[in-house]
Amino acid sequence: MSITSETLPKSGYTADTPKRYLLNAGALVRNLKWDGATKKWTYDEFGATSGGSKLTLKNNLRQVEVDGVFTTPVGGDMIESSEGTFEVNVIEHTRDSVKMALFAESTESTGTDFPEGYDVITPKQKIGTTDYVENLGYIGTISGSDKPIIIIMSNAICTSGLEIEVKDKSESVVTLTFEARTAAGDVSTTSLPVKILMPKEPEGEA
């Protein structure tokens, strides 16, 4: 069949399109782990968000320069470095979220320096290994599947600090930005420490 303007598609929409929407804001958790023995996930709660979250995964490319070659050919791109960030709009404020943002430690007030009934959160001068979150997990909904899409970013550290804006008739939403870090024993890799679990589509579907 010859290709004419009448036979070219006018939209990317297909019968499978409604099965592939990424719906709503989803949930964010910490330290998400799959136990193959019990077939269950375990995780620590992160807290509620407002305004959604933003995940950015980026490879920074370097083009190999060769004398006499004036365009970049296929195969001429090299991954020089990789970046992964989670931007989270937190509306539920906990001691853990404050500690993550400030690399802080927490002690219980004894009533001497401060009243009892408080945790005293104090920023530290140095970043320790415990200031890295083992992983951040995003759990979202794909319209055509009863299984969630799951994105896991390992060794996350908060790079945004803590900026709080409060005003009447409004809830404070704090934006926290986390960046992925490579494991200390694997510093030579240029691969992002990120895993994306995409639900399989039923047999016979693309």
C-alpha atoms as a PDB file:
ATOM      1  CA  MET A   1       0.000   0.000   0.000  1.00  0.00           C
ATOM      2  CA  SER A   2       1.374   3.372  -0.911  1.00  0.00           C
ATOM      3  CA  ILE A   3       1.662   5.927   1.869  1.00  0.00           C
ATOM      4  CA  THR A   4      -0.269   9.124   1.336  1.00  0.00           C
ATOM      5  CA  SER A   5      -1.284  11.957   3.608  1.00  0.00           C
ATOM      6  CA  GLU A   6      -4.624  10.207   4.036  1.00  0.00           C
ATOM      7  CA  THR A   7      -3.004   7.028   5.441  1.00  0.00           C
ATOM      8  CA  LEU A   8      -0.687   8.776   7.907  1.00  0.00           C
ATOM      9  CA  PRO A   9      -1.867   8.897  11.540  1.00  0.00           C
ATOM     10  CA  LYS A  10      -3.347  12.154  12.771  1.00  0.00           C
ATOM     11  CA  SER A  11      -2.967  11.247  16.452  1.00  0.00           C
ATOM     12  CA  GLY A  12      -0.894   8.941  18.595  1.00  0.00           C
ATOM     13  CA  TYR A  13      -4.076   7.608  20.199  1.00  0.00           C
ATOM     14  CA  THR A  14      -4.727   3.858  19.892  1.00  0.00           C
ATOM     15  CA  ALA A  15      -7.182   1.412  21.456  1.00  0.00           C
ATOM     16  CA  ASP A  16      -4.532   0.707  24.145  1.00  0.00           C
ATOM     17  CA  THR A  17      -3.984   4.361  25.059  1.00  0.00           C
ATOM     18  CA  PRO A  18      -6.535   4.459  27.927  1.00  0.00           C
ATOM     19  CA  LYS A  19      -4.678   1.588  29.597  1.00  0.00           C
ATOM     20  CA  ARG A  20      -1.452   3.564  29.831  1.00  0.00           C
ATOM     21  CA  TYR A  21      -2.306   6.726  31.713  1.00  0.00           C
ATOM     22  CA  LEU A  22      -0.324   7.584  34.831  1.00  0.00           C
ATOM     23  CA  LEU A  23      -3.033   8.684  37.239  1.00  0.00           C
ATOM     24  CA  ASN A  24      -3.019  11.060  40.190  1.00  0.00           C
ATOM     25  CA  ALA A  25      -0.179  12.014  42.517  1.00  0.00           C
ATOM     26  CA  GLY A  26       0.515   8.568  43.980  1.00  0.00           C
ATOM     27  CA  ALA A  27       2.344   7.964  47.239  1.00  0.00           C
ATOM     28  CA  LEU A  28       5.920   8.410  48.379  1.00  0.00           C
ATOM     29  CA  VAL A  29       7.543   6.093  50.950  1.00  0.00           C
ATOM     30  CA  ARG A  30      10.984   5.510  52.437  1.00  0.00           C
ATOM     31  CA  ASN A  31      13.082   2.348  52.605  1.00  0.00           C
ATOM     32  CA  LEU A  32      10.853   0.323  50.288  1.00  0.00           C
ATOM     33  CA  LYS A  33      11.854  -3.354  50.236  1.00  0.00           C
ATOM     34  CA  TRP A  34      10.407  -6.483  48.651  1.00  0.00           C
ATOM     35  CA  ASP A  35      10.597  -9.717  50.657  1.00  0.00           C
ATOM     36  CA  GLY A  36      10.685 -12.602  48.206  1.00  0.00           C
ATOM     37  CA  ALA A  37       9.940 -15.106  50.955  1.00  0.00           C
ATOM     38  CA  THR A  38       6.752 -13.509  52.239  1.00  0.00           C
ATOM     39  CA  LYS A  39       5.850 -11.850  48.903  1.00  0.00           C
ATOM     40  CA  LYS A  40       5.228  -8.578  50.705  1.00  0.00           C
ATOM     41  CA  TRP A  41       6.543  -5.035  50.583  1.00  0.00           C
ATOM     42  CA  THR A  42       7.827  -3.272  53.692  1.00  0.00           C
ATOM     43  CA  TYR A  43       8.383   0.477  53.948  1.00  0.00           C
ATOM     44  CA  ASP A  44       8.468   3.485  56.219  1.00  0.00           C
ATOM     45  CA  GLU A  45       5.905   6.229  55.753  1.00  0.00           C
ATOM     46  CA  PHE A  46       7.069   9.521  54.281  1.00  0.00           C
ATOM     47  CA  GLY A  47       3.968  11.638  54.823  1.00  0.00           C
ATOM     48  CA  ALA A  48       1.193  13.225  52.814  1.00  0.00           C
ATOM     49  CA  THR A  49       1.939  15.551  49.911  1.00  0.00           C
ATOM     50  CA  SER A  50       0.005  18.366  48.253  1.00  0.00           C
ATOM     51  CA  GLY A  51       0.556  19.472  44.700  1.00  0.00           C
ATOM     52  CA  GLY A  52       2.126  16.190  43.644  1.00  0.00           C
ATOM     53  CA  SER A  53       5.766  15.253  43.233  1.00  0.00           C
ATOM     54  CA  LYS A  54       8.292  15.569  40.431  1.00  0.00           C
ATOM     55  CA  LEU A  55      10.849  12.941  39.436  1.00  0.00           C
ATOM     56  CA  THR A  56      13.723  13.884  37.138  1.00  0.00           C
ATOM     57  CA  LEU A  57      16.158  11.309  35.731  1.00  0.00           C
ATOM     58  CA  LYS A  58      18.835  12.704  33.470  1.00  0.00           C
ATOM     59  CA  ASN A  59      21.943  11.467  31.684  1.00  0.00           C
ATOM     60  CA  ASN A  60      24.493  14.164  30.851  1.00  0.00           C
ATOM     61  CA  LEU A  61      26.090  13.342  27.524  1.00  0.00           C
ATOM     62  CA  ARG A  62      29.510  14.128  26.121  1.00  0.00           C
ATOM     63  CA  GLN A  63      30.157  14.102  22.393  1.00  0.00           C
ATOM     64  CA  VAL A  64      33.460  12.613  21.273  1.00  0.00           C
ATOM     65  CA  GLU A  65      35.303  15.112  19.089  1.00  0.00           C
ATOM     66  CA  VAL A  66      37.103  13.673  16.089  1.00  0.00           C
ATOM     67  CA  ASP A  67      39.073  15.762  13.597  1.00  0.00           C
ATOM     68  CA  GLY A  68      37.319  16.009  10.253  1.00  0.00           C
ATOM     69  CA  VAL A  69      33.915  14.996  11.688  1.00  0.00           C
ATOM     70  CA  PHE A  70      31.598  18.010  11.870  1.00  0.00           C
ATOM     71  CA  THR A  71      28.400  16.420  13.195  1.00  0.00           C
ATOM     72  CA  THR A  72      27.844  13.926  15.986  1.00  0.00           C
ATOM     73  CA  PRO A  73      27.406  10.460  14.462  1.00  0.00           C
ATOM     74  CA  VAL A  74      25.489   7.555  15.951  1.00  0.00           C
ATOM     75  CA  GLY A  75      27.750   6.058  18.604  1.00  0.00           C
ATOM     76  CA  GLY A  76      29.454   9.379  19.265  1.00  0.00           C
ATOM     77  CA  ASP A  77      27.608  10.076  22.504  1.00  0.00           C
ATOM     78  CA  MET A  78      29.001   9.002  25.861  1.00  0.00           C
ATOM     79  CA  ILE A  79      27.277   9.165  29.246  1.00  0.00           C
ATOM     80  CA  GLU A  80      29.482  11.490  31.277  1.00  0.00           C
ATOM     81  CA  SER A  81      27.357  11.667  34.428  1.00  0.00           C
ATOM     82  CA  SER A  82      23.837  10.944  35.635  1.00  0.00           C
ATOM     83  CA  GLU A  83      21.429  12.803  37.910  1.00  0.00           C
ATOM     84  CA  GLY A  84      18.286  11.709  39.703  1.00  0.00           C
ATOM     85  CA  THR A  85      16.064  14.028  41.758  1.00  0.00           C
ATOM     86  CA  PHE A  86      12.749  13.744  43.589  1.00  0.00           C
ATOM     87  CA  GLU A  87      10.934  16.998  44.313  1.00  0.00           C
ATOM     88  CA  VAL A  88       8.323  16.408  47.004  1.00  0.00           C
ATOM     89  CA  ASN A  89       5.681  18.888  48.200  1.00  0.00           C
ATOM     90  CA  VAL A  90       5.134  17.886  51.810  1.00  0.00           C
ATOM     91  CA  ILE A  91       1.983  18.965  53.652  1.00  0.00           C
ATOM     92  CA  GLU A  92       2.390  16.537  56.578  1.00  0.00           C
ATOM     93  CA  HIS A  93       5.186  17.752  58.825  1.00  0.00           C
ATOM     94  CA  THR A  94       7.037  15.261  60.996  1.00  0.00           C
ATOM     95  CA  ARG A  95      10.260  15.199  62.960  1.00  0.00           C
ATOM     96  CA  ASP A  96      11.682  12.827  60.342  1.00  0.00           C
ATOM     97  CA  SER A  97      11.049  15.226  57.450  1.00  0.00           C
ATOM     98  CA  VAL A  98      12.643  18.089  59.390  1.00  0.00           C
ATOM     99  CA  LYS A  99      15.636  15.929  60.302  1.00  0.00           C
ATOM    100  CA  MET A 100      16.094  14.838  56.679  1.00  0.00           C
ATOM    101  CA  ALA A 101      16.002  18.440  55.454  1.00  0.00           C
ATOM    102  CA  LEU A 102      18.525  19.747  57.979  1.00  0.00           C
ATOM    103  CA  PHE A 103      20.763  16.695  58.614  1.00  0.00           C
ATOM    104  CA  ALA A 104      19.656  17.073  62.207  1.00  0.00           C
ATOM    105  CA  GLU A 105      19.561  14.969  65.328  1.00  0.00           C
ATOM    106  CA  SER A 106      16.715  14.756  67.796  1.00  0.00           C
ATOM    107  CA  THR A 107      16.714  14.520  71.582  1.00  0.00           C
ATOM    108  CA  GLU A 108      13.817  14.371  74.012  1.00  0.00           C
ATOM    109  CA  SER A 109      13.378  17.420  76.213  1.00  0.00           C
ATOM    110  CA  THR A 110      13.803  16.664  79.915  1.00  0.00           C
ATOM    111  CA  GLY A 111      12.165  19.841  81.161  1.00  0.00           C
ATOM    112  CA  THR A 112      15.450  21.520  82.116  1.00  0.00           C
ATOM    113  CA  ASP A 113      16.375  23.592  79.051  1.00  0.00           C
ATOM    114  CA  PHE A 114      12.973  23.256  77.370  1.00  0.00           C
ATOM    115  CA  PRO A 115       9.514  22.094  78.524  1.00  0.00           C
ATOM    116  CA  GLU A 116       8.745  18.395  78.597  1.00  0.00           C
ATOM    117  CA  GLY A 117       6.686  16.969  75.755  1.00  0.00           C
ATOM    118  CA  TYR A 118       9.000  18.150  72.975  1.00  0.00           C
ATOM    119  CA  ASP A 119      11.620  16.609  70.733  1.00  0.00           C
ATOM    120  CA  VAL A 120      14.489  19.061  70.322  1.00  0.00           C
ATOM    121  CA  ILE A 121      15.780  18.947  66.732  1.00  0.00           C
ATOM    122  CA  THR A 122      19.268  20.382  66.224  1.00  0.00           C
ATOM    123  CA  PRO A 123      21.124  20.629  62.864  1.00  0.00           C
ATOM    124  CA  LYS A 124      24.496  18.907  62.754  1.00  0.00           C
ATOM    125  CA  GLN A 125      27.797  20.207  61.387  1.00  0.00           C
ATOM    126  CA  LYS A 126      28.655  17.077  59.422  1.00  0.00           C
ATOM    127  CA  ILE A 127      26.687  14.746  57.163  1.00  0.00           C
ATOM    128  CA  GLY A 128      26.750  11.133  58.305  1.00  0.00           C
ATOM    129  CA  THR A 129      25.816   7.924  56.536  1.00  0.00           C
ATOM    130  CA  THR A 130      22.490   7.868  58.419  1.00  0.00           C
ATOM    131  CA  ASP A 131      21.519  11.148  56.726  1.00  0.00           C
ATOM    132  CA  TYR A 132      21.130   9.269  53.446  1.00  0.00           C
ATOM    133  CA  VAL A 133      17.745   7.623  52.969  1.00  0.00           C
ATOM    134  CA  GLU A 134      18.217   4.007  51.856  1.00  0.00           C
ATOM    135  CA  ASN A 135      15.705   4.692  49.117  1.00  0.00           C
ATOM    136  CA  LEU A 136      12.674   6.754  48.193  1.00  0.00           C
ATOM    137  CA  GLY A 137       9.866   4.869  46.515  1.00  0.00           C
ATOM    138  CA  TYR A 138       7.146   6.387  44.348  1.00  0.00           C
ATOM    139  CA  ILE A 139       4.004   4.244  44.014  1.00  0.00           C
ATOM    140  CA  GLY A 140       1.648   5.289  41.224  1.00  0.00           C
ATOM    141  CA  THR A 141      -1.326   4.005  39.269  1.00  0.00           C
ATOM    142  CA  ILE A 142      -1.336   2.894  35.629  1.00  0.00           C
ATOM    143  CA  SER A 143      -4.894   3.029  34.285  1.00  0.00           C
ATOM    144  CA  GLY A 144      -4.864  -0.381  32.603  1.00  0.00           C
ATOM    145  CA  SER A 145      -3.281  -2.400  35.405  1.00  0.00           C
ATOM    146  CA  ASP A 146      -4.217  -3.550  38.882  1.00  0.00           C
ATOM    147  CA  LYS A 147      -0.512  -3.424  39.752  1.00  0.00           C
ATOM    148  CA  PRO A 148       1.169  -0.109  40.579  1.00  0.00           C
ATOM    149  CA  ILE A 149       4.104   1.433  38.798  1.00  0.00           C
ATOM    150  CA  ILE A 150       6.967   1.694  41.298  1.00  0.00           C
ATOM    151  CA  ILE A 151      10.040   3.903  41.032  1.00  0.00           C
ATOM    152  CA  ILE A 152      12.817   3.368  43.569  1.00  0.00           C
ATOM    153  CA  MET A 153      15.651   5.880  43.963  1.00  0.00           C
ATOM    154  CA  SER A 154      18.480   4.676  46.188  1.00  0.00           C
ATOM    155  CA  ASN A 155      20.755   6.597  48.556  1.00  0.00           C
ATOM    156  CA  ALA A 156      18.669   9.765  48.554  1.00  0.00           C
ATOM    157  CA  ILE A 157      19.812  12.911  50.327  1.00  0.00           C
ATOM    158  CA  CYS A 158      17.882  16.139  50.828  1.00  0.00           C
ATOM    159  CA  THR A 159      19.653  19.038  49.084  1.00  0.00           C
ATOM    160  CA  SER A 160      16.984  21.729  49.397  1.00  0.00           C
ATOM    161  CA  GLY A 161      17.189  22.558  53.075  1.00  0.00           C
ATOM    162  CA  LEU A 162      14.030  23.689  54.837  1.00  0.00           C
ATOM    163  CA  GLU A 163      11.987  26.702  53.762  1.00  0.00           C
ATOM    164  CA  ILE A 164       8.662  27.164  55.535  1.00  0.00           C
ATOM    165  CA  GLU A 165       6.072  29.749  54.546  1.00  0.00           C
ATOM    166  CA  VAL A 166       3.012  30.121  56.767  1.00  0.00           C
ATOM    167  CA  LYS A 167      -0.053  32.309  56.334  1.00  0.00           C
ATOM    168  CA  ASP A 168      -3.659  32.525  57.449  1.00  0.00           C
ATOM    169  CA  LYS A 169      -6.333  30.337  55.840  1.00  0.00           C
ATOM    170  CA  SER A 170      -3.715  28.112  54.256  1.00  0.00           C
ATOM    171  CA  GLU A 171      -1.709  24.995  55.075  1.00  0.00           C
ATOM    172  CA  SER A 172       2.056  25.188  54.819  1.00  0.00           C
ATOM    173  CA  VAL A 173       3.491  23.075  51.996  1.00  0.00           C
ATOM    174  CA  VAL A 174       7.253  22.531  52.107  1.00  0.00           C
ATOM    175  CA  THR A 175       9.132  21.502  48.974  1.00  0.00           C
ATOM    176  CA  LEU A 176      11.924  19.023  49.666  1.00  0.00           C
ATOM    177  CA  THR A 177      14.340  18.041  46.912  1.00  0.00           C
ATOM    178  CA  PHE A 178      16.186  14.744  47.163  1.00  0.00           C
ATOM    179  CA  GLU A 179      19.069  13.645  44.954  1.00  0.00           C
ATOM    180  CA  ALA A 180      20.262  10.106  44.293  1.00  0.00           C
ATOM    181  CA  ARG A 181      23.774   9.127  45.281  1.00  0.00           C
ATOM    182  CA  THR A 182      25.881   6.179  44.167  1.00  0.00           C
ATOM    183  CA  ALA A 183      26.855   3.573  46.730  1.00  0.00           C
ATOM    184  CA  ALA A 184      30.320   4.193  48.178  1.00  0.00           C
ATOM    185  CA  GLY A 185      31.586   0.870  46.837  1.00  0.00           C
ATOM    186  CA  ASP A 186      30.488   1.584  43.262  1.00  0.00           C
ATOM    187  CA  VAL A 187      31.830   5.051  42.503  1.00  0.00           C
ATOM    188  CA  SER A 188      33.109   4.124  39.029  1.00  0.00           C
ATOM    189  CA  THR A 189      29.604   3.616  37.633  1.00  0.00           C
ATOM    190  CA  THR A 190      27.787   6.237  35.573  1.00  0.00           C
ATOM    191  CA  SER A 191      24.445   4.475  35.999  1.00  0.00           C
ATOM    192  CA  LEU A 192      21.714   6.060  38.068  1.00  0.00           C
ATOM    193  CA  PRO A 193      20.824   4.130  41.250  1.00  0.00           C
ATOM    194  CA  VAL A 194      17.202   3.983  40.118  1.00  0.00           C
ATOM    195  CA  LYS A 195      14.854   1.073  39.389  1.00  0.00           C
ATOM    196  CA  ILE A 196      11.524   1.449  37.571  1.00  0.00           C
ATOM    197  CA  LEU A 197       9.020  -1.393  37.980  1.00  0.00           C
ATOM    198  CA  MET A 198       6.585  -1.181  35.074  1.00  0.00           C
ATOM    199  CA  PRO A 199       3.562  -3.524  35.239  1.00  0.00           C
ATOM    200  CA  LYS A 200       3.409  -6.034  32.408  1.00  0.00           C
ATOM    201  CA  GLU A 201       0.535  -5.739  29.975  1.00  0.00           C
ATOM    202  CA  PRO A 202      -1.636  -8.819  29.345  1.00  0.00           C
ATOM    203  CA  GLU A 203      -0.349 -11.335  26.799  1.00  0.00           C
ATOM    204  CA  GLY A 204      -1.007 -10.334  23.230  1.00  0.00           C
ATOM    205  CA  GLU A 205      -0.872  -6.612  24.013  1.00  0.00           C
ATOM    206  CA  ALA A 206       2.088  -4.368  23.225  1.00  0.00           C
END
